[in-house]
Amino acid sequence: MDKGYDSEEIHELIQDTLNSCSLIPVRNRKRKRISGYYRRRIAQSFDDEKYHQRNKVETVFSVLKRKFGESLKARKYRLQVKEIKIKVILYNLSRMISTFVILTLKCHIIKVTHPSSRNLTHTTEYGFTVQNFFMLNS
């Protein structure tokens, strides 16, 4: 959530009713004093690094909507959940395939340009290294 949701009531709802931690940044105002118990606590202990992780989530949601459409075809809730799970699985598979293709191309380029190179330790997001990939394809 962004600064537009910064209100004492929303912070209280998130922390007390939902028993969760709020990651809504406190708005910068002309007054220096921050009003409200929950807003003061958030302002003192706000984690910028955690807050900026939301960008990754928003990017994935955007990609899912662009690839698979914004609407669901299923009408029943149970089937809608299944449809979303299938879309997420397909997205993850497409990411793995594209990573494999890129890694294969890098391996081929490295083999062609440096055939004697044995110290290949480039690691992908899935934990594969170029060296491990050579062993798998030998």
Protein backbone atom coordinates (compact mmCIF):
# COMPACT_ATOMS: atom_id res chain seq x y z
CA MET A 1 0.00 0.00 0.00
CA ASP A 2 1.16 3.51 -0.59
CA LYS A 3 0.97 6.74 1.38
CA GLY A 4 -2.61 7.32 0.28
CA TYR A 5 -3.69 4.63 2.77
CA ASP A 6 -1.88 6.26 5.70
CA SER A 7 -4.53 6.76 8.36
CA GLU A 8 -4.70 5.83 12.02
CA GLU A 9 -7.81 3.68 11.43
CA ILE A 10 -6.19 1.57 8.71
CA HIS A 11 -3.01 1.03 10.76
CA GLU A 12 -5.14 0.02 13.76
CA LEU A 13 -7.21 -2.38 11.63
CA ILE A 14 -4.12 -4.05 10.20
CA GLN A 15 -2.31 -4.44 13.51
CA ASP A 16 -5.12 -5.18 15.96
CA THR A 17 -7.92 -6.78 13.96
CA LEU A 18 -5.88 -8.58 11.28
CA ASN A 19 -2.94 -9.22 13.64
CA SER A 20 -0.43 -8.27 10.96
CA CYS A 21 2.27 -5.66 10.46
CA SER A 22 1.52 -2.56 8.45
CA LEU A 23 3.83 -1.59 5.58
CA ILE A 24 2.15 1.69 4.75
CA PRO A 25 4.59 4.61 4.84
CA VAL A 26 3.63 7.64 6.88
CA ARG A 27 2.93 10.73 4.76
CA ASN A 28 5.33 13.66 4.97
CA ARG A 29 3.44 16.67 6.21
CA LYS A 30 4.38 20.22 7.07
CA ARG A 31 3.85 19.48 10.75
CA LYS A 32 6.72 17.61 12.36
CA ARG A 33 4.56 15.84 14.98
CA ILE A 34 2.90 12.65 13.77
CA SER A 35 -0.60 12.17 15.17
CA GLY A 36 -1.88 8.79 16.30
CA TYR A 37 -0.32 5.96 18.30
CA TYR A 38 -0.05 3.48 15.39
CA ARG A 39 1.24 6.06 12.92
CA ARG A 40 4.01 7.11 15.36
CA ARG A 41 5.03 3.47 15.85
CA ILE A 42 5.15 2.90 12.09
CA ALA A 43 7.18 6.08 11.51
CA GLN A 44 9.77 4.96 14.09
CA SER A 45 10.15 1.38 12.88
CA PHE A 46 9.36 1.60 9.15
CA ASP A 47 11.42 -0.83 7.04
CA ASP A 48 12.18 0.78 3.65
CA GLU A 49 13.82 -2.37 2.31
CA LYS A 50 10.74 -4.49 3.01
CA TYR A 51 8.45 -1.81 1.59
CA HIS A 52 10.33 -1.70 -1.71
CA GLN A 53 9.88 -5.49 -2.13
CA ARG A 54 6.28 -4.73 -3.15
CA ASN A 55 7.59 -3.52 -6.49
CA LYS A 56 8.48 -7.13 -7.36
CA VAL A 57 4.98 -8.33 -6.48
CA GLU A 58 3.35 -5.57 -8.52
CA THR A 59 5.56 -6.47 -11.49
CA VAL A 60 4.54 -10.14 -11.30
CA PHE A 61 0.84 -9.20 -11.09
CA SER A 62 1.28 -6.93 -14.11
CA VAL A 63 2.99 -9.70 -16.13
CA LEU A 64 0.30 -12.23 -15.15
CA LYS A 65 -2.44 -9.85 -16.29
CA ARG A 66 -0.67 -9.08 -19.58
CA LYS A 67 0.06 -12.74 -20.37
CA PHE A 68 -3.18 -14.37 -19.23
CA GLY A 69 -5.72 -11.54 -19.20
CA GLU A 70 -7.30 -9.58 -16.39
CA SER A 71 -10.44 -11.68 -16.03
CA LEU A 72 -11.13 -15.24 -14.96
CA LYS A 73 -13.24 -17.61 -17.03
CA ALA A 74 -14.44 -19.72 -14.09
CA ARG A 75 -17.61 -18.71 -12.28
CA LYS A 76 -17.36 -20.73 -9.08
CA TYR A 77 -14.92 -19.56 -6.42
CA ARG A 78 -13.21 -22.97 -6.12
CA LEU A 79 -12.58 -23.08 -9.87
CA GLN A 80 -11.38 -19.46 -9.88
CA VAL A 81 -8.74 -20.38 -7.31
CA LYS A 82 -7.68 -23.33 -9.48
CA GLU A 83 -7.48 -21.09 -12.54
CA ILE A 84 -5.24 -18.60 -10.70
CA LYS A 85 -2.99 -21.42 -9.47
CA ILE A 86 -2.65 -22.77 -13.01
CA LYS A 87 -1.76 -19.29 -14.31
CA VAL A 88 0.91 -18.88 -11.61
CA ILE A 89 2.36 -22.34 -12.39
CA LEU A 90 2.47 -21.49 -16.12
CA TYR A 91 4.16 -18.18 -15.34
CA ASN A 92 6.80 -19.94 -13.20
CA LEU A 93 7.39 -22.53 -15.94
CA SER A 94 7.83 -19.84 -18.57
CA ARG A 95 10.35 -18.07 -16.31
CA MET A 96 12.30 -21.29 -15.80
CA ILE A 97 12.31 -22.06 -19.53
CA SER A 98 13.50 -18.57 -20.44
CA THR A 99 16.22 -18.80 -17.76
CA PHE A 100 17.31 -22.18 -19.16
CA VAL A 101 17.44 -20.77 -22.69
CA ILE A 102 19.52 -17.78 -21.57
CA LEU A 103 21.82 -20.04 -19.55
CA THR A 104 22.21 -22.41 -22.50
CA LEU A 105 23.13 -19.50 -24.76
CA LYS A 106 25.64 -18.21 -22.21
CA CYS A 107 27.15 -21.68 -21.89
CA HIS A 108 27.42 -22.00 -25.66
CA ILE A 109 29.03 -18.57 -25.98
CA ILE A 110 31.49 -19.35 -23.18
CA LYS A 111 32.34 -22.76 -24.71
CA VAL A 112 32.92 -21.21 -28.12
CA THR A 113 34.95 -18.23 -26.91
CA HIS A 114 36.80 -19.90 -23.99
CA PRO A 115 36.81 -23.70 -24.45
CA SER A 116 39.51 -24.23 -21.80
CA SER A 117 37.75 -22.17 -19.12
CA ARG A 118 36.83 -24.34 -16.11
CA ASN A 119 36.11 -21.66 -13.50
CA LEU A 120 32.52 -20.89 -14.49
CA THR A 121 30.48 -19.87 -11.46
CA HIS A 122 27.69 -17.66 -12.79
CA THR A 123 24.58 -18.59 -10.73
CA THR A 124 21.01 -18.15 -11.95
CA GLU A 125 18.01 -17.33 -9.80
CA TYR A 126 17.14 -21.06 -9.71
CA GLY A 127 20.49 -22.05 -8.22
CA PHE A 128 22.09 -23.47 -11.37
CA THR A 129 25.64 -22.51 -12.18
CA VAL A 130 27.17 -22.55 -15.62
CA GLN A 131 29.57 -25.27 -14.42
CA ASN A 132 26.66 -27.47 -13.19
CA PHE A 133 24.91 -26.96 -16.50
CA PHE A 134 27.98 -28.22 -18.41
CA MET A 135 27.95 -31.36 -16.25
CA LEU A 136 24.23 -31.91 -16.94
CA ASN A 137 24.69 -31.59 -20.71
CA SER A 138 27.91 -33.66 -21.03
